[in-house]
Protein backbone atom coordinates (compact mmCIF):
# COMPACT_ATOMS: atom_id res chain seq x y z
CA MET A 1 132.90 0.23 112.34
CA THR A 2 131.16 2.76 110.19
CA PRO A 3 129.96 0.97 107.05
CA ASN A 4 130.60 3.82 104.66
CA THR A 5 134.15 2.96 103.77
CA ALA A 6 135.85 5.20 101.25
CA THR A 7 136.04 3.99 97.73
CA SER A 8 139.56 2.81 97.16
CA GLY A 9 141.65 4.47 94.54
CA PRO A 10 144.49 3.15 92.44
CA SER A 11 147.89 2.48 93.93
CA ALA A 12 150.05 4.30 91.39
CA PRO A 13 147.60 6.72 89.89
CA SER A 14 147.77 9.53 87.45
CA ARG A 15 147.24 12.93 89.04
CA ARG A 16 143.70 13.05 87.66
CA SER A 17 142.67 9.59 88.84
CA PHE A 18 144.33 10.22 92.20
CA LEU A 19 142.21 13.31 92.72
CA ALA A 20 139.04 11.68 91.46
CA SER A 21 139.47 8.69 93.77
CA THR A 22 140.10 11.09 96.61
CA ALA A 23 136.91 12.95 95.76
CA VAL A 24 135.01 9.70 96.05
CA ALA A 25 136.70 8.95 99.35
CA ALA A 26 136.07 12.34 100.86
CA ALA A 27 132.50 12.60 99.67
CA ALA A 28 131.66 9.10 100.86
CA VAL A 29 133.28 9.27 104.27
CA ALA A 30 131.47 11.49 106.70
CA GLY A 31 133.99 13.03 109.04
CA GLY A 32 136.81 11.83 106.83
CA MET A 33 139.65 13.53 105.10
CA PRO A 34 138.55 16.49 102.98
CA LEU A 35 139.32 16.61 99.32
CA LEU A 36 142.81 16.76 98.04
CA ALA A 37 143.73 20.00 96.32
CA ALA A 38 143.16 19.68 92.60
CA CYS A 39 144.90 21.00 89.55
CA GLY A 40 144.01 23.80 87.21
CA GLY A 41 142.89 27.34 87.63
CA SER A 42 141.44 30.20 85.78
CA ASP A 43 141.82 33.76 84.88
CA SER A 44 141.37 35.18 81.45
CA GLY A 45 140.67 32.78 78.62
CA SER A 46 143.26 31.86 76.02
CA GLY A 47 145.64 34.60 77.06
CA GLY A 48 146.04 33.24 80.58
CA GLY A 49 146.71 35.09 83.79
CA THR A 50 146.17 35.07 87.53
CA SER A 51 143.86 36.59 90.10
CA ALA A 52 146.34 36.34 92.92
CA GLY A 53 149.09 38.41 94.44
CA LYS A 54 148.97 42.10 95.18
CA SER A 55 145.46 42.74 93.84
CA ALA A 56 143.80 39.85 95.63
CA LYS A 57 143.56 41.12 99.18
CA LYS A 58 140.71 43.54 98.62
CA LEU A 59 138.62 40.78 97.04
CA LEU A 60 138.98 38.29 99.88
CA PRO A 61 136.44 37.70 102.65
CA ALA A 62 137.33 38.58 106.21
CA TYR A 63 138.41 35.56 108.24
CA VAL A 64 136.52 34.98 111.47
CA ALA A 65 137.49 31.78 113.27
CA THR A 66 134.59 29.72 114.57
CA ASN A 67 134.24 29.34 118.31
CA VAL A 68 131.22 27.04 118.17
CA VAL A 69 133.33 23.89 118.51
CA THR A 70 136.91 23.43 119.74
CA PRO A 71 138.82 20.61 118.02
CA ASP A 72 140.77 18.10 120.10
CA ILE A 73 143.83 18.80 117.94
CA ALA A 74 144.26 22.29 116.52
CA ALA A 75 145.59 22.82 113.02
CA LYS A 76 149.36 23.24 112.83
CA ASN A 77 151.89 23.44 109.99
CA GLY A 78 149.12 23.30 107.39
CA SER A 79 147.35 20.27 108.88
CA ALA A 80 143.67 19.58 109.25
CA VAL A 81 142.03 19.98 112.64
CA GLY A 82 141.42 16.71 114.46
CA PHE A 83 138.70 15.24 116.65
CA THR A 84 139.55 12.18 118.72
CA SER A 85 136.70 11.99 121.23
CA LYS A 86 133.53 9.96 120.90
CA LEU A 87 130.60 11.70 119.30
CA ASP A 88 128.22 13.27 121.82
CA ILE A 89 124.92 13.55 119.99
CA ALA A 90 123.23 15.27 122.91
CA GLY A 91 126.05 17.81 123.04
CA LEU A 92 126.02 18.83 119.38
CA LYS A 93 126.28 22.60 118.93
CA THR A 94 124.17 24.82 116.70
CA SER A 95 126.10 26.91 114.18
CA VAL A 96 123.11 28.17 112.15
CA PRO A 97 120.55 29.39 114.71
CA LYS A 98 117.99 30.50 112.11
CA LYS A 99 117.17 29.64 108.52
CA LEU A 100 118.89 31.97 106.11
CA GLY A 101 117.11 30.55 103.08
CA LYS A 102 114.01 32.39 101.87
CA GLY A 103 112.21 29.38 100.45
CA GLY A 104 113.37 29.71 96.87
CA LYS A 105 114.32 26.91 94.50
CA VAL A 106 117.97 26.34 93.55
CA SER A 107 119.21 23.86 90.93
CA ILE A 108 122.68 22.39 91.48
CA MET A 109 124.70 20.31 89.02
CA SER A 110 127.48 18.28 90.62
CA PRO A 111 129.62 15.22 89.92
CA PHE A 112 128.33 12.10 91.63
CA TRP A 113 129.99 8.74 92.18
CA GLY A 114 127.52 5.91 92.64
CA SER A 115 123.76 5.76 92.10
CA PRO A 116 121.93 9.02 92.89
CA PRO A 117 118.96 8.63 95.23
CA LYS A 118 115.41 9.63 94.33
CA SER A 119 114.86 13.37 94.43
CA ASP A 120 112.24 13.16 97.19
CA ASN A 121 114.36 11.13 99.61
CA ALA A 122 114.35 11.79 103.36
CA TYR A 123 117.89 13.21 103.41
CA TYR A 124 117.26 15.85 100.76
CA LYS A 125 113.99 16.79 102.45
CA ALA A 126 115.66 17.21 105.87
CA MET A 127 118.51 19.31 104.46
CA ASN A 128 116.20 21.57 102.50
CA ASP A 129 114.01 22.09 105.54
CA LEU A 130 117.01 23.02 107.71
CA ILE A 131 118.37 25.46 105.14
CA GLY A 132 115.07 26.96 104.03
CA VAL A 133 115.84 26.36 100.35
CA ASP A 134 114.41 23.86 97.87
CA VAL A 135 117.55 22.37 96.31
CA ALA A 136 116.94 20.39 93.13
CA TRP A 137 119.96 18.17 92.40
CA GLN A 138 121.17 17.49 88.88
CA ASN A 139 123.68 14.78 89.76
CA GLN A 140 125.99 13.70 86.93
CA ASP A 141 128.32 10.71 86.67
CA GLY A 142 131.63 11.85 88.15
CA ASN A 143 133.58 9.56 85.83
CA THR A 144 132.27 11.28 82.69
CA TYR A 145 131.69 14.73 84.17
CA ASP A 146 134.04 16.38 81.68
CA GLN A 147 131.72 15.76 78.76
CA LYS A 148 128.56 16.83 80.55
CA LEU A 149 130.22 19.92 81.97
CA GLY A 150 131.48 21.07 78.58
CA ALA A 151 128.07 20.63 76.99
CA VAL A 152 126.21 22.46 79.75
CA LEU A 153 128.62 25.40 79.86
CA ALA A 154 128.44 25.74 76.08
CA SER A 155 124.66 26.05 76.26
CA SER A 156 122.46 28.90 77.39
CA ASP A 157 120.68 26.67 79.92
CA ILE A 158 122.95 26.59 82.97
CA PRO A 159 121.77 25.45 86.40
CA ASP A 160 121.83 27.98 89.23
CA VAL A 161 124.94 26.29 90.68
CA VAL A 162 127.60 24.19 88.96
CA VAL A 163 130.24 22.33 90.95
CA ILE A 164 133.59 22.08 89.12
CA PRO A 165 136.54 20.08 90.44
CA GLY A 166 139.95 21.50 89.57
CA TRP A 167 140.82 18.43 87.50
CA ASN A 168 137.89 19.29 85.19
CA MET A 169 139.21 22.80 84.50
CA GLY A 170 140.97 22.00 81.25
CA GLY A 171 140.32 23.27 77.74
CA LYS A 172 137.70 26.01 77.52
CA ILE A 173 136.32 25.51 81.04
CA PRO A 174 138.38 28.32 82.65
CA SER A 175 137.11 30.94 80.22
CA ALA A 176 133.58 29.58 80.64
CA ILE A 177 133.88 30.04 84.41
CA ILE A 178 134.65 33.72 83.88
CA GLY A 179 131.97 34.20 81.25
CA LYS A 180 129.13 32.26 82.83
CA PHE A 181 129.39 32.63 86.60
CA ALA A 182 128.59 35.43 89.02
CA ASP A 183 130.89 37.64 91.06
CA LEU A 184 130.17 36.75 94.70
CA GLY A 185 132.34 39.59 95.99
CA PRO A 186 129.41 41.94 96.79
CA TYR A 187 128.05 39.23 99.10
CA LEU A 188 131.26 37.84 100.59
CA SER A 189 134.27 40.16 100.26
CA GLY A 190 135.56 41.86 103.40
CA ASP A 191 133.09 42.06 106.28
CA ALA A 192 130.12 41.14 104.07
CA ILE A 193 130.81 37.47 104.77
CA LYS A 194 130.12 37.86 108.47
CA GLN A 195 126.42 37.24 107.91
CA TYR A 196 127.50 33.70 106.93
CA PRO A 197 129.66 32.71 109.94
CA ASN A 198 130.52 29.21 108.74
CA LEU A 199 131.77 30.60 105.43
CA ALA A 200 133.72 33.26 107.30
CA ALA A 201 135.60 30.48 109.12
CA ILE A 202 136.94 29.04 105.85
CA PRO A 203 140.69 29.80 105.68
CA THR A 204 141.74 32.77 103.56
CA ASP A 205 144.04 30.64 101.39
CA ALA A 206 141.03 28.64 100.18
CA TRP A 207 139.20 31.82 99.24
CA GLN A 208 142.23 33.06 97.31
CA ARG A 209 142.02 29.89 95.21
CA SER A 210 138.41 30.88 94.49
CA LEU A 211 139.38 34.01 92.55
CA PHE A 212 138.72 33.64 88.84
CA GLY A 213 139.11 36.42 86.30
CA GLY A 214 139.73 39.05 88.95
CA LYS A 215 136.50 38.23 90.81
CA LEU A 216 135.53 36.05 93.76
CA ARG A 217 133.47 33.45 91.92
CA GLY A 218 133.93 30.12 93.71
CA LEU A 219 132.72 28.60 96.96
CA PRO A 220 135.66 26.41 98.01
CA GLN A 221 136.31 23.09 99.68
CA PRO A 222 139.40 23.75 101.83
CA SER A 223 142.25 21.23 101.95
CA PRO A 224 145.35 20.91 104.10
CA TYR A 225 148.35 22.22 102.21
CA VAL A 226 150.45 19.34 103.55
CA THR A 227 150.86 16.58 100.99
CA GLY A 228 147.99 14.12 101.01
CA ILE A 229 150.06 11.20 99.73
CA VAL A 230 151.31 8.87 102.46
CA PRO A 231 153.59 5.81 102.27
CA LEU A 232 151.18 3.39 103.94
CA TYR A 233 152.49 0.14 105.40
CA ARG A 234 151.44 -3.01 107.28
CA LYS A 235 152.54 -2.12 110.79
CA ASP A 236 151.33 -5.44 112.20
CA ILE A 237 153.65 -7.39 109.89
CA PHE A 238 156.51 -4.93 110.42
CA ASP A 239 156.20 -5.45 114.19
CA LYS A 240 155.99 -9.23 113.86
CA GLU A 241 158.99 -9.49 111.52
CA GLY A 242 161.05 -6.79 113.22
CA TYR A 243 161.20 -4.57 110.13
CA GLN A 244 162.30 -0.99 110.83
CA VAL A 245 160.64 2.00 109.17
CA PRO A 246 163.28 3.45 106.82
CA THR A 247 164.79 6.91 107.25
CA SER A 248 166.60 7.21 103.90
CA ALA A 249 166.33 6.05 100.30
CA ASP A 250 169.10 3.50 100.86
CA GLU A 251 167.37 2.13 103.97
CA PHE A 252 164.13 1.80 102.03
CA MET A 253 165.91 -0.15 99.29
CA ALA A 254 167.53 -2.44 101.88
CA LEU A 255 164.19 -2.99 103.60
CA CYS A 256 162.59 -3.95 100.30
CA LYS A 257 165.35 -6.49 99.71
CA GLU A 258 164.66 -7.97 103.14
CA ILE A 259 160.90 -8.19 102.55
CA ALA A 260 160.75 -9.40 98.96
CA ASN A 261 160.40 -13.13 98.36
CA ALA A 262 158.71 -13.90 95.05
CA LYS A 263 158.62 -17.65 95.75
CA ALA A 264 156.59 -16.95 98.88
CA LYS A 265 154.39 -14.56 96.85
CA ARG A 266 155.49 -11.52 98.83
CA TRP A 267 156.79 -8.30 97.38
CA ALA A 268 157.83 -5.17 99.20
CA CYS A 269 155.73 -2.47 97.60
CA LEU A 270 153.78 -1.05 94.71
CA ASP A 271 154.98 1.80 92.50
CA MET A 272 156.67 4.27 94.89
CA LYS A 273 157.20 7.07 92.37
CA TRP A 274 155.15 9.53 94.39
CA THR A 275 157.10 8.81 97.57
CA ALA A 276 160.32 9.20 95.57
CA PHE A 277 159.25 12.66 94.42
CA GLN A 278 158.62 13.60 98.06
CA SER A 279 161.84 12.06 99.36
CA PHE A 280 164.00 13.79 96.76
CA GLY A 281 162.24 17.15 97.18
CA VAL A 282 160.69 17.39 93.72
CA LEU A 283 158.26 20.28 93.30
CA SER A 284 154.63 19.28 93.92
CA GLY A 285 153.13 16.77 91.54
CA SER A 286 152.22 17.81 88.04
CA GLU A 287 149.83 20.33 89.49
CA LYS A 288 149.94 23.69 87.74
CA PRO A 289 151.30 26.12 88.70
CA LEU A 290 152.97 24.40 91.66
CA GLY A 291 155.50 22.69 89.43
CA TRP A 292 157.20 26.08 89.02
CA ASN A 293 159.36 27.84 91.59
CA LEU A 294 161.76 30.74 91.74
CA VAL A 295 165.27 29.43 92.47
CA ASP A 296 168.16 31.90 92.76
CA GLY A 297 166.26 34.40 90.67
CA LYS A 298 165.38 31.93 87.89
CA LEU A 299 162.07 30.18 87.35
CA VAL A 300 162.51 26.42 87.22
CA TYR A 301 159.97 23.75 86.28
CA ARG A 302 159.97 20.45 88.15
CA ILE A 303 161.02 18.33 85.17
CA GLU A 304 164.19 20.38 84.76
CA THR A 305 165.60 19.54 88.17
CA GLN A 306 168.23 16.97 89.09
CA GLU A 307 166.00 15.83 91.95
CA TYR A 308 163.34 14.79 89.43
CA LEU A 309 165.75 12.53 87.55
CA GLU A 310 167.16 11.08 90.77
CA ALA A 311 163.67 10.22 92.01
CA LEU A 312 162.86 8.42 88.76
CA GLU A 313 166.15 6.51 88.83
CA TRP A 314 165.58 5.37 92.43
CA THR A 315 162.09 4.17 91.57
CA ARG A 316 163.44 2.39 88.49
CA LYS A 317 165.88 0.48 90.69
CA LEU A 318 163.01 -0.76 92.89
CA PHE A 319 161.31 -2.21 89.83
CA ALA A 320 164.53 -3.59 88.34
CA ALA A 321 165.41 -5.40 91.57
CA GLY A 322 162.07 -7.21 91.61
CA TYR A 323 160.84 -5.56 94.80
CA VAL A 324 157.64 -4.19 93.24
CA HIS A 325 154.49 -6.31 93.01
CA PRO A 326 153.91 -7.66 89.47
CA ASP A 327 150.55 -5.90 89.22
CA ALA A 328 152.33 -2.55 89.41
CA LYS A 329 154.96 -3.70 86.91
CA LEU A 330 152.20 -4.47 84.42
CA GLY A 331 150.29 -1.33 85.26
CA LYS A 332 147.32 -3.26 86.65
CA SER A 333 147.46 -1.44 89.98
CA ALA A 334 146.26 1.74 88.30
CA ALA A 335 142.96 0.09 87.43
CA THR A 336 142.31 -2.33 90.28
CA ASP A 337 141.82 -2.06 94.02
CA PRO A 338 145.08 -3.03 95.76
CA GLY A 339 143.29 -3.49 99.09
CA PRO A 340 142.74 -7.28 99.01
CA LYS A 341 146.36 -8.09 98.11
CA PHE A 342 147.61 -5.58 100.69
CA ALA A 343 145.37 -7.26 103.28
CA ALA A 344 146.69 -10.67 102.18
CA GLY A 345 150.26 -9.48 102.74
CA GLU A 346 151.33 -9.84 99.09
CA PHE A 347 153.01 -6.42 99.46
CA LEU A 348 153.59 -4.36 102.58
CA ILE A 349 153.99 -0.73 101.41
CA TYR A 350 152.13 1.53 98.97
CA ALA A 351 151.66 5.25 98.43
CA GLN A 352 148.12 6.58 98.44
CA ASN A 353 145.86 9.30 99.74
CA ILE A 354 145.77 9.69 103.51
CA SER A 355 142.05 8.85 103.55
CA GLN A 356 142.95 5.19 102.98
CA TRP A 357 144.64 5.06 106.38
CA TRP A 358 141.16 5.06 107.87
CA SER A 359 139.24 3.29 105.09
CA ARG A 360 141.57 0.27 105.03
CA THR A 361 141.41 0.10 108.83
CA ALA A 362 137.62 0.18 108.78
CA GLU A 363 137.16 -2.42 106.07
CA GLN A 364 139.45 -4.95 107.81
CA ALA A 365 138.37 -4.33 111.40
CA THR A 366 135.95 -7.24 111.75
CA GLN A 367 137.49 -9.81 109.41
CA ASN A 368 141.16 -9.30 110.29
CA PRO A 369 141.53 -7.90 113.83
CA ASP A 370 145.35 -8.15 113.79
CA TYR A 371 145.57 -6.00 110.65
CA LYS A 372 147.13 -2.58 111.23
CA ILE A 373 147.86 -0.08 108.49
CA TRP A 374 150.01 2.93 109.40
CA GLY A 375 151.74 5.83 107.67
CA MET A 376 155.51 6.20 107.34
CA ASP A 377 157.05 9.59 107.84
CA ILE A 378 158.52 10.79 104.56
CA PHE A 379 162.28 10.53 104.72
CA GLY A 380 164.86 12.75 103.09
CA HIS A 381 166.60 10.63 100.46
CA ASP A 382 169.98 11.18 102.14
CA GLY A 383 168.70 10.42 105.64
CA GLY A 384 168.16 14.04 106.59
CA SER A 385 164.95 16.01 106.79
CA PRO A 386 162.82 15.95 103.64
CA THR A 387 161.94 19.04 101.63
CA LEU A 388 158.23 18.85 100.88
CA TRP A 389 156.17 21.26 98.80
CA ALA A 390 152.74 22.57 99.70
CA GLU A 391 149.67 21.47 97.79
CA GLN A 392 146.94 23.92 96.85
CA PRO A 393 144.59 24.87 99.72
CA ALA A 394 141.36 24.20 97.79
CA GLY A 395 140.51 22.09 94.78
CA ILE A 396 136.76 21.85 94.19
CA PHE A 397 134.49 24.85 93.75
CA ALA A 398 130.79 25.65 93.41
CA PHE A 399 129.88 28.50 91.06
CA VAL A 400 126.65 30.49 90.77
CA SER A 401 125.21 31.37 87.38
CA LYS A 402 125.58 34.96 86.19
CA LYS A 403 121.87 34.88 85.41
CA ALA A 404 120.96 34.14 89.02
CA SER A 405 118.95 36.83 90.83
CA GLU A 406 120.11 38.23 94.15
CA SER A 407 117.52 36.12 95.97
CA VAL A 408 118.88 32.94 94.32
CA ILE A 409 122.46 33.91 95.22
CA ARG A 410 121.40 34.51 98.83
CA ASP A 411 119.70 31.11 98.90
CA VAL A 412 122.85 29.45 97.53
CA LEU A 413 124.93 31.11 100.25
CA ALA A 414 122.41 29.87 102.81
CA VAL A 415 123.04 26.32 101.51
CA ALA A 416 126.81 26.82 101.67
CA ASN A 417 126.66 28.26 105.19
CA VAL A 418 125.05 25.02 106.38
CA THR A 419 127.30 22.63 104.46
CA ALA A 420 130.38 24.49 105.77
CA ALA A 421 129.33 23.92 109.38
CA PRO A 422 132.16 22.51 111.53
CA TYR A 423 132.36 19.01 112.93
CA GLY A 424 130.54 18.73 116.24
CA THR A 425 127.51 20.70 115.10
CA LYS A 426 123.97 19.62 114.27
CA GLU A 427 124.38 21.02 110.77
CA TYR A 428 127.52 18.99 110.14
CA MET A 429 125.85 15.77 111.30
CA LEU A 430 122.83 16.31 109.08
CA THR A 431 124.97 17.24 106.08
CA ASN A 432 127.35 14.31 106.45
CA TYR A 433 125.24 11.62 108.15
CA GLY A 434 121.59 12.55 107.62
CA VAL A 435 118.78 12.08 110.14
CA GLU A 436 119.51 10.11 113.31
CA GLY A 437 117.42 6.94 113.44
CA THR A 438 116.75 7.07 109.72
CA HIS A 439 120.17 7.39 108.14
CA TYR A 440 122.41 6.48 111.06
CA THR A 441 122.41 5.19 114.60
CA VAL A 442 124.82 5.97 117.42
CA LYS A 443 126.27 3.38 119.78
CA ASN A 444 129.03 4.14 122.29
CA GLY A 445 129.66 7.49 120.63
CA VAL A 446 130.16 5.99 117.15
CA PRO A 447 127.68 6.86 114.37
CA THR A 448 126.94 4.02 111.95
CA LYS A 449 125.03 4.56 108.75
CA THR A 450 121.99 2.45 108.01
CA ASP A 451 121.35 0.97 104.58
CA GLN A 452 119.13 3.96 103.86
CA GLY A 453 121.93 6.28 104.94
CA ASN A 454 124.41 4.58 102.63
CA ASN A 455 121.94 4.95 99.76
CA GLU A 456 120.89 8.55 100.36
CA VAL A 457 123.61 10.41 102.28
CA ILE A 458 126.37 10.44 99.72
CA ASN A 459 128.13 13.13 97.78
CA ALA A 460 125.50 15.81 97.23
CA TYR A 461 125.37 18.69 99.72
CA VAL A 462 128.99 18.13 100.76
CA MET A 463 130.00 19.32 97.26
CA VAL A 464 128.74 22.90 97.75
CA ALA A 465 131.21 24.14 100.38
CA SER A 466 133.10 22.58 103.28
CA PRO A 467 134.44 23.63 106.67
CA THR A 468 138.14 23.96 107.34
CA ALA A 469 139.92 20.68 106.65
CA THR A 470 138.88 18.19 109.34
CA ILE A 471 139.80 14.64 110.32
CA ALA A 472 137.44 12.83 112.70
CA HIS A 473 136.86 9.09 113.00
CA PRO A 474 134.82 8.30 116.12
CA ASP A 475 135.15 4.59 115.30
CA PHE A 476 138.97 4.73 115.15
CA PRO A 477 140.09 7.87 117.04
CA GLU A 478 143.68 6.60 117.20
CA VAL A 479 143.79 6.75 113.40
CA ALA A 480 142.42 10.30 113.33
CA LYS A 481 145.06 11.35 115.88
CA ALA A 482 147.83 9.66 113.89
CA GLN A 483 146.69 11.24 110.61
CA VAL A 484 146.67 14.78 111.99
CA GLU A 485 149.99 14.29 113.78
CA TRP A 486 151.52 12.89 110.58
CA GLN A 487 150.36 16.00 108.72
CA GLN A 488 151.82 18.23 111.41
CA ARG A 489 155.20 16.48 111.35
CA MET A 490 155.34 16.62 107.56
CA GLY A 491 154.06 20.18 107.57
CA ALA A 492 157.18 21.22 109.51
CA PHE A 493 159.21 20.28 106.40
CA THR A 494 156.78 21.81 103.90
CA LYS A 495 157.56 24.90 101.85
CA LYS A 496 155.27 27.03 99.72
CA SER A 497 156.36 27.59 96.15
CA SER A 498 156.29 30.99 94.48
CA PHE A 499 152.82 30.28 93.07
CA TYR A 500 151.19 28.72 96.11
CA GLY A 501 147.49 29.50 96.38
CA MET A 502 147.24 31.21 93.00
CA GLN A 503 144.57 30.45 90.41
CA ILE A 504 146.41 30.51 87.11
CA THR A 505 145.43 29.64 83.59
CA GLU A 506 148.27 29.19 81.14
CA PRO A 507 147.78 30.62 77.65
CA SER A 508 146.01 28.08 75.45
CA ARG A 509 149.06 27.58 73.21
CA TYR A 510 150.78 25.85 76.15
CA THR A 511 147.81 23.69 77.19
CA ASN A 512 149.21 20.35 76.03
CA LEU A 513 152.91 21.10 76.39
CA SER A 514 153.51 18.82 79.40
CA ASN A 515 150.91 16.14 78.65
CA ASP A 516 153.29 13.28 77.88
CA PHE A 517 155.58 13.47 80.89
CA GLU A 518 153.53 11.33 83.25
CA GLN A 519 153.46 8.44 80.80
CA LEU A 520 157.18 8.82 80.19
CA GLU A 521 157.82 8.74 83.95
CA ASP A 522 155.93 5.47 84.22
CA ASP A 523 157.77 3.99 81.24
CA ILE A 524 161.14 4.92 82.74
CA VAL A 525 160.52 3.45 86.19
CA ARG A 526 159.30 0.22 84.59
CA GLY A 527 162.39 -0.02 82.42
CA ARG A 528 160.67 0.60 79.11
CA LYS A 529 162.46 3.92 78.59
CA LYS A 530 165.72 5.40 79.85
CA ILE A 531 166.62 8.48 81.89
CA SER A 532 168.24 9.83 78.72
CA ASP A 533 164.79 9.72 77.07
CA MET A 534 163.53 12.04 79.80
CA GLN A 535 166.47 14.38 79.33
CA GLN A 536 165.69 14.55 75.61
CA ALA A 537 162.00 15.13 76.33
CA VAL A 538 162.87 18.03 78.65
CA SER A 539 165.09 19.52 75.94
CA ASP A 540 162.24 19.21 73.44
CA TRP A 541 159.83 20.74 75.95
CA ARG A 542 162.06 23.78 76.29
CA SER A 543 162.37 24.33 72.56
CA LYS A 544 158.67 23.71 71.84
CA GLY A 545 157.48 26.34 74.30
CA GLY A 546 158.81 25.61 77.76
CA ASP A 547 161.25 28.51 77.74
CA SER A 548 158.55 30.84 76.43
CA LEU A 549 156.18 29.60 79.13
CA ARG A 550 158.90 30.33 81.70
CA ASP A 551 159.07 33.92 80.45
CA TRP A 552 155.28 34.16 80.69
CA TYR A 553 155.33 32.91 84.29
CA LYS A 554 158.18 35.26 85.18
CA LYS A 555 156.23 38.25 83.89
CA LEU A 556 153.19 37.07 85.84
CA LEU A 557 155.27 36.77 88.99
CA ASP A 558 156.77 40.21 88.50
CA GLU A 559 153.29 41.69 88.22
CA SER A 560 151.54 39.80 91.01
CA GLY A 561 154.38 39.15 93.43
CA PRO A 562 155.26 35.70 94.79
CA ALA A 563 153.11 33.86 97.28
CA ALA A 564 154.02 34.17 100.93
CA SER A 565 156.48 31.44 101.93
């Protein structure tokens, strides 16, 4: 196995913690699942706005697909591309034939999970030599990045590059992005991007998400638009016990009844609220602006829908029946790693990011060879096809300071052109694995990080820009194949809402309007509150600004036009 297993996230997380745990997973797992699309957006300070729609096309870079490497599984229905063959080190392609960097120095501030390596480590030296740029990293604790980010952006001393995840784009950050960071359009819009071929191969949707304040300001990390949340289950135990994967909400409930046996210390699942939202067709997460959609000429927010209430009620019944593990009932699962109890068979199903399909497989491979985690297809609650909603196509961005000279901007783009190299290239391997023999070894086509690799080759350069969403696990190619095929099957049922791909900042007066709904959801499914409490909360939301916010979104939609479906 590859000993760089993804950090495990919570089992019933908040949107923010879900994304943060995914960031850890994606940054830590070379060749793993790229980052989940994140929330937030930006346009024009406290007044709000969007940089999408009719005016966006002229700002976007030309798309030029890469032909350096051909994936084993092509992208389809919004999926990642997949690689299922063993890694051929001798056959690695070159996607950056000459150094584009001019030898300048570039400072980059980025969130970091774990202990940053020394600045003169072998990985940083090798990357800088390949790029032709002296990158000086200012790594900051990812768990407290909000505070550091706010302080830095409020000062006059801003690094050349600042990486900002979407979940950190609250408060005054969106207006700071517009005020403090450079327009990259002159270097990247239209055909200008062709001098950076790996950046040109980033999908157009991801670039659209990089528009802030009417300018192309961000370097994106592309994501699949298919949901990243999978109902994961213990396939080995299902096969042994003869359990059938459910195809409706009623079948799931019946399965849970069959599995659950508190006396034997076995429960069916953890909190399945996220799967319920998917099964009942609730608009994507709490991610703005995807919670809004135009329905029969009227804008509707996710909390106003009958599907939302039905999903909460179904999840409440799982808890009430005693099918949910006690940790989730008490809320412990949001703060602890569910992996050990899942491996012990204390529960057999949980909803989490798709990256855990591989990471759980890898961590159990040697100690529990019979263990097999797999992903359920999302079922329509009534037994029919589900209606799923697209996630945003990019969620983490790198921005260049407005004070940066043209030579610094060119050097930053040289960095990004290397870090966006596709899987199967020398640049990808160096970015994600480091130097062969120093940071990793290869046996039977499977790269394995050394202790030095695990200490040095972690989430630094991968935070600048990424290639098109990619899944590749040379150690478990059957998992990579299953992940991509799952995305493709679910992608066939995925729709794009009216605001898909748009970067939007709501006016500041609405910033905290929806803050309490996630907690109320969790209280309802655990029986601490009632569905009627949610109905009252929605009524209060409307009167306190929800209806006015709807009017604001409607005007925005009229001006920009809806996203392509």
